[in-house]
Amino acid sequence: MSDTQPAAANTPESPEQRRAAKRMRVLKSGKIVLEGRQAVDCTLRDISQTGAKLVCASALDMPDKFRLFVAADNTLREVQIAWKEKGLLGVTFVGEPKSAALRKF
């Protein structure tokens, strides 16, 4: 290693630099829709074209795949969990959003 390399070259890239799409901070109401149309309230904290971060009281108990209803957009999306922590879920969108018109959760 040369002493002339910039210090930044030795630092790991941030998680934001590794993302496929830039996330935007939001505060949107949502519902995690499980089998049998059971729904769990959640809040979207950030979102991108490829995924979102959700706040949910029972995050650690969620299945790996579920549907996400976003009230403000009136959309329903299939999602897969990318990571989970106490109270937080990172999800990846699977497919395109569908209109949730006339659906009740």
C-alpha atoms as a PDB file:
ATOM      1  CA  MET A   1       0.000   0.000   0.000  1.00  0.00           C
ATOM      2  CA  SER A   2       1.301   3.406  -0.908  1.00  0.00           C
ATOM      3  CA  ASP A   3       1.377   6.362   1.500  1.00  0.00           C
ATOM      4  CA  THR A   4       0.029   8.535  -1.313  1.00  0.00           C
ATOM      5  CA  GLN A   5      -3.423   6.856  -1.446  1.00  0.00           C
ATOM      6  CA  PRO A   6      -6.231   9.051  -0.176  1.00  0.00           C
ATOM      7  CA  ALA A   7      -7.631   8.054   3.232  1.00  0.00           C
ATOM      8  CA  ALA A   8     -11.123   7.609   1.772  1.00  0.00           C
ATOM      9  CA  ALA A   9      -9.880   4.703  -0.347  1.00  0.00           C
ATOM     10  CA  ASN A  10      -9.308   2.704   2.849  1.00  0.00           C
ATOM     11  CA  THR A  11     -12.750   3.281   4.365  1.00  0.00           C
ATOM     12  CA  PRO A  12     -15.646   0.928   3.702  1.00  0.00           C
ATOM     13  CA  GLU A  13     -18.507   2.310   1.659  1.00  0.00           C
ATOM     14  CA  SER A  14     -21.652   3.280   3.521  1.00  0.00           C
ATOM     15  CA  PRO A  15     -24.860   1.205   3.290  1.00  0.00           C
ATOM     16  CA  GLU A  16     -26.440   4.051   1.285  1.00  0.00           C
ATOM     17  CA  GLN A  17     -23.678   3.759  -1.342  1.00  0.00           C
ATOM     18  CA  ARG A  18     -24.410   0.017  -1.696  1.00  0.00           C
ATOM     19  CA  ARG A  19     -28.159   0.499  -2.324  1.00  0.00           C
ATOM     20  CA  ALA A  20     -29.556  -0.178  -5.783  1.00  0.00           C
ATOM     21  CA  ALA A  21     -31.776   2.922  -5.546  1.00  0.00           C
ATOM     22  CA  LYS A  22     -31.642   6.070  -3.405  1.00  0.00           C
ATOM     23  CA  ARG A  23     -34.107   6.046  -0.518  1.00  0.00           C
ATOM     24  CA  MET A  24     -36.258   9.052   0.376  1.00  0.00           C
ATOM     25  CA  ARG A  25     -37.434   9.755   3.914  1.00  0.00           C
ATOM     26  CA  VAL A  26     -41.214   9.482   4.299  1.00  0.00           C
ATOM     27  CA  LEU A  27     -43.819   9.105   7.008  1.00  0.00           C
ATOM     28  CA  LYS A  28     -46.632   7.001   5.555  1.00  0.00           C
ATOM     29  CA  SER A  29     -49.177   4.723   7.170  1.00  0.00           C
ATOM     30  CA  GLY A  30     -49.248   1.137   5.997  1.00  0.00           C
ATOM     31  CA  LYS A  31     -50.451  -2.347   6.790  1.00  0.00           C
ATOM     32  CA  ILE A  32     -48.611  -5.636   6.613  1.00  0.00           C
ATOM     33  CA  VAL A  33     -51.138  -8.036   5.072  1.00  0.00           C
ATOM     34  CA  LEU A  34     -50.631 -11.641   6.133  1.00  0.00           C
ATOM     35  CA  GLU A  35     -52.335 -14.900   5.122  1.00  0.00           C
ATOM     36  CA  GLY A  36     -56.066 -14.935   5.751  1.00  0.00           C
ATOM     37  CA  ARG A  37     -56.176 -11.137   5.241  1.00  0.00           C
ATOM     38  CA  GLN A  38     -54.927 -10.514   8.778  1.00  0.00           C
ATOM     39  CA  ALA A  39     -53.309  -7.047   8.855  1.00  0.00           C
ATOM     40  CA  VAL A  40     -50.710  -5.464  11.134  1.00  0.00           C
ATOM     41  CA  ASP A  41     -50.258  -1.677  11.280  1.00  0.00           C
ATOM     42  CA  CYS A  42     -46.869  -0.272  10.284  1.00  0.00           C
ATOM     43  CA  THR A  43     -45.242   3.016   9.314  1.00  0.00           C
ATOM     44  CA  LEU A  44     -43.017   3.523   6.266  1.00  0.00           C
ATOM     45  CA  ARG A  45     -39.966   5.596   7.254  1.00  0.00           C
ATOM     46  CA  ASP A  46     -38.110   5.565   3.951  1.00  0.00           C
ATOM     47  CA  ILE A  47     -38.804   4.252   0.484  1.00  0.00           C
ATOM     48  CA  SER A  48     -37.118   3.772  -2.899  1.00  0.00           C
ATOM     49  CA  GLN A  49     -37.998   2.111  -6.186  1.00  0.00           C
ATOM     50  CA  THR A  50     -36.621  -1.176  -4.824  1.00  0.00           C
ATOM     51  CA  GLY A  51     -37.661  -1.289  -1.162  1.00  0.00           C
ATOM     52  CA  ALA A  52     -38.573   0.402   2.099  1.00  0.00           C
ATOM     53  CA  LYS A  53     -37.923   0.583   5.828  1.00  0.00           C
ATOM     54  CA  LEU A  54     -40.927  -0.175   8.031  1.00  0.00           C
ATOM     55  CA  VAL A  55     -41.559   0.453  11.714  1.00  0.00           C
ATOM     56  CA  CYS A  56     -43.676  -2.310  13.229  1.00  0.00           C
ATOM     57  CA  ALA A  57     -44.145  -3.421  16.840  1.00  0.00           C
ATOM     58  CA  SER A  58     -43.963  -7.124  15.931  1.00  0.00           C
ATOM     59  CA  ALA A  59     -41.176  -6.916  13.327  1.00  0.00           C
ATOM     60  CA  LEU A  60     -39.251  -9.959  14.581  1.00  0.00           C
ATOM     61  CA  ASP A  61     -42.341 -12.185  14.235  1.00  0.00           C
ATOM     62  CA  MET A  62     -43.048 -11.385  10.558  1.00  0.00           C
ATOM     63  CA  PRO A  63     -42.805 -14.050   7.838  1.00  0.00           C
ATOM     64  CA  ASP A  64     -40.140 -13.657   5.145  1.00  0.00           C
ATOM     65  CA  LYS A  65     -42.728 -12.655   2.497  1.00  0.00           C
ATOM     66  CA  PHE A  66     -45.968 -10.700   2.788  1.00  0.00           C
ATOM     67  CA  ARG A  67     -48.017  -7.978   1.101  1.00  0.00           C
ATOM     68  CA  LEU A  68     -47.629  -4.310   2.048  1.00  0.00           C
ATOM     69  CA  PHE A  69     -50.581  -1.930   1.759  1.00  0.00           C
ATOM     70  CA  VAL A  70     -49.612   1.765   1.546  1.00  0.00           C
ATOM     71  CA  ALA A  71     -52.650   3.875   2.396  1.00  0.00           C
ATOM     72  CA  ALA A  72     -51.393   7.191   0.944  1.00  0.00           C
ATOM     73  CA  ASP A  73     -50.714   5.586  -2.441  1.00  0.00           C
ATOM     74  CA  ASN A  74     -53.611   3.103  -2.249  1.00  0.00           C
ATOM     75  CA  THR A  75     -51.236   0.377  -3.435  1.00  0.00           C
ATOM     76  CA  LEU A  76     -50.541  -3.214  -2.510  1.00  0.00           C
ATOM     77  CA  ARG A  77     -47.067  -4.671  -3.023  1.00  0.00           C
ATOM     78  CA  GLU A  78     -45.515  -8.079  -2.593  1.00  0.00           C
ATOM     79  CA  VAL A  79     -42.394  -7.741  -0.443  1.00  0.00           C
ATOM     80  CA  GLN A  80     -39.572  -9.870   0.901  1.00  0.00           C
ATOM     81  CA  ILE A  81     -37.724  -9.093   4.131  1.00  0.00           C
ATOM     82  CA  ALA A  82     -34.097  -8.071   3.551  1.00  0.00           C
ATOM     83  CA  TRP A  83     -33.298  -7.488   7.249  1.00  0.00           C
ATOM     84  CA  LYS A  84     -35.045  -7.141  10.583  1.00  0.00           C
ATOM     85  CA  GLU A  85     -34.315  -5.605  13.953  1.00  0.00           C
ATOM     86  CA  LYS A  86     -36.477  -5.001  17.001  1.00  0.00           C
ATOM     87  CA  GLY A  87     -39.256  -2.742  15.732  1.00  0.00           C
ATOM     88  CA  LEU A  88     -37.791  -2.325  12.199  1.00  0.00           C
ATOM     89  CA  LEU A  89     -38.023  -4.189   8.896  1.00  0.00           C
ATOM     90  CA  GLY A  90     -36.113  -3.613   5.676  1.00  0.00           C
ATOM     91  CA  VAL A  91     -38.100  -4.957   2.728  1.00  0.00           C
ATOM     92  CA  THR A  92     -37.413  -5.460  -0.959  1.00  0.00           C
ATOM     93  CA  PHE A  93     -40.269  -4.966  -3.404  1.00  0.00           C
ATOM     94  CA  VAL A  94     -41.123  -8.016  -5.522  1.00  0.00           C
ATOM     95  CA  GLY A  95     -42.891  -7.003  -8.723  1.00  0.00           C
ATOM     96  CA  GLU A  96     -44.907  -3.900  -9.480  1.00  0.00           C
ATOM     97  CA  PRO A  97     -47.423  -2.175  -7.186  1.00  0.00           C
ATOM     98  CA  LYS A  98     -51.096  -2.986  -7.685  1.00  0.00           C
ATOM     99  CA  SER A  99     -54.036  -0.694  -7.085  1.00  0.00           C
ATOM    100  CA  ALA A 100     -55.735  -1.534  -3.817  1.00  0.00           C
ATOM    101  CA  ALA A 101     -59.005   0.153  -4.800  1.00  0.00           C
ATOM    102  CA  LEU A 102     -62.016  -1.067  -2.865  1.00  0.00           C
ATOM    103  CA  ARG A 103     -59.913  -3.254  -0.550  1.00  0.00           C
ATOM    104  CA  LYS A 104     -60.350  -3.122   3.199  1.00  0.00           C
ATOM    105  CA  PHE A 105     -57.588  -4.197   5.555  1.00  0.00           C
END
